[in-house]
Protein backbone atom coordinates (compact mmCIF):
# COMPACT_ATOMS: atom_id res chain seq x y z
CA UNK A 1 -0.01 0.07 -0.13
CA UNK A 2 1.04 3.17 -0.85
CA UNK A 3 0.41 6.39 1.20
CA UNK A 4 0.51 9.98 0.09
CA UNK A 5 1.63 12.09 3.06
CA UNK A 6 2.45 15.85 3.39
CA UNK A 7 3.95 18.28 5.48
CA UNK A 8 1.75 21.69 5.55
CA UNK A 9 3.80 25.10 6.53
CA UNK A 10 1.21 27.91 6.25
CA UNK A 11 0.93 27.26 2.63
CA UNK A 12 3.60 24.99 1.47
CA UNK A 13 2.96 20.82 0.23
CA UNK A 14 6.05 19.22 -0.21
CA UNK A 15 4.14 15.98 -0.64
CA UNK A 16 6.06 12.75 0.36
CA UNK A 17 5.09 8.62 -0.08
CA UNK A 18 5.19 6.09 2.54
CA UNK A 19 5.11 2.54 1.87
CA UNK A 20 3.01 0.45 4.39
CA UNK A 21 1.36 -3.05 4.60
CA UNK A 22 -0.90 -2.56 7.63
CA UNK A 23 -4.23 -3.24 7.61
CA UNK A 24 -6.39 -0.27 9.37
CA UNK A 25 -3.69 3.27 9.43
CA UNK A 26 -4.87 6.34 10.83
CA UNK A 27 -2.90 9.73 9.77
CA UNK A 28 -1.90 11.70 13.07
CA UNK A 29 -1.91 15.26 13.25
CA UNK A 30 0.54 17.85 14.69
CA UNK A 31 -1.39 21.47 14.33
CA UNK A 32 0.30 24.38 15.44
CA UNK A 33 -0.26 28.56 15.35
CA UNK A 34 1.29 31.22 16.60
CA UNK A 35 -0.03 33.55 20.25
CA UNK A 36 -0.69 36.73 17.32
CA UNK A 37 -3.23 34.16 15.78
CA UNK A 38 -4.99 32.36 18.77
CA UNK A 39 -8.19 34.23 18.57
CA UNK A 40 -8.72 33.62 14.04
CA UNK A 41 -8.03 29.82 15.42
CA UNK A 42 -10.69 30.75 17.45
CA UNK A 43 -13.42 32.61 14.81
CA UNK A 44 -12.39 29.89 13.04
CA UNK A 45 -13.29 26.76 14.95
CA UNK A 46 -16.03 27.63 16.97
CA UNK A 47 -17.66 27.42 12.95
CA UNK A 48 -15.17 24.66 11.16
CA UNK A 49 -16.82 21.21 10.74
CA UNK A 50 -14.36 17.61 9.80
CA UNK A 51 -15.33 16.90 5.75
CA UNK A 52 -17.21 14.27 5.11
CA UNK A 53 -15.59 11.20 5.24
CA UNK A 54 -12.72 11.89 7.98
CA UNK A 55 -13.38 9.89 11.21
CA UNK A 56 -12.09 11.35 14.03
CA UNK A 57 -10.34 9.35 16.68
CA UNK A 58 -8.72 11.36 19.15
CA UNK A 59 -8.46 14.82 19.59
CA UNK A 60 -6.94 16.89 22.29
CA UNK A 61 -5.92 21.07 23.14
CA UNK A 62 -2.97 21.09 24.73
CA UNK A 63 -3.12 23.01 27.55
CA UNK A 64 0.31 25.48 27.00
CA UNK A 65 -1.52 26.65 24.25
CA UNK A 66 -1.44 27.18 20.47
CA UNK A 67 -1.37 23.08 20.02
CA UNK A 68 -3.86 21.00 18.95
CA UNK A 69 -3.35 16.65 18.09
CA UNK A 70 -6.09 14.72 16.61
CA UNK A 71 -5.33 10.98 14.99
CA UNK A 72 -7.96 10.20 12.44
CA UNK A 73 -9.17 7.54 10.23
CA UNK A 74 -9.84 8.55 6.03
CA UNK A 75 -7.84 8.93 2.70
CA UNK A 76 -5.75 11.22 1.18
CA UNK A 77 -8.16 13.62 -0.13
CA UNK A 78 -10.47 13.93 3.58
CA UNK A 79 -6.55 14.60 5.15
CA UNK A 80 -5.94 17.06 2.62
CA UNK A 81 -9.94 18.43 3.08
CA UNK A 82 -8.97 18.71 6.50
CA UNK A 83 -6.28 20.87 6.27
CA UNK A 84 -7.19 23.38 3.67
CA UNK A 85 -9.17 25.73 5.54
CA UNK A 86 -6.12 26.49 8.34
CA UNK A 87 -3.39 26.09 5.87
CA UNK A 88 -2.44 29.88 5.23
CA UNK A 89 -2.78 30.23 9.78
CA UNK A 90 -1.88 26.60 11.25
CA UNK A 91 1.18 24.60 10.36
CA UNK A 92 0.87 20.83 9.61
CA UNK A 93 2.66 17.33 11.17
CA UNK A 94 1.18 14.46 9.94
CA UNK A 95 2.26 11.59 10.05
CA UNK A 96 1.04 8.24 9.43
CA UNK A 97 0.71 6.08 12.57
CA UNK A 98 -1.33 2.29 13.37
CA UNK A 99 -2.49 1.76 16.95
CA UNK A 100 -0.85 -0.66 18.78
CA UNK A 101 -0.38 -1.88 21.95
CA UNK A 102 -3.87 -1.40 24.02
CA UNK A 103 -5.10 1.96 21.46
CA UNK A 104 -5.82 -0.87 19.35
CA UNK A 105 -7.56 -3.27 21.80
CA UNK A 106 -9.34 0.64 22.13
CA UNK A 107 -9.69 1.34 19.02
CA UNK A 108 -11.71 -1.89 17.85
CA UNK A 109 -15.40 -1.73 20.57
């Protein structure tokens, strides 16, 4: 299986390809923004909804501020759609991830 992954930083998209052979694949996004953009992030998030075809597994807000973490179940199209409205204000680090241990058991429920 071939996965197209992106590392995005305020408007740029640098694709790379990752080979994998797993039956379950999720993507983890680490989304970071500047402190001066905090109010704009709050404003946008209040009306924003996850795109169709994107299933949110986990979503966390960093209590130290200016960062969120999410794990989503989607394809490449959903991955791009979930970030397109934010690319001008956030830096994204995206990784294909695979659950193991206790996490794998929780996701099967």
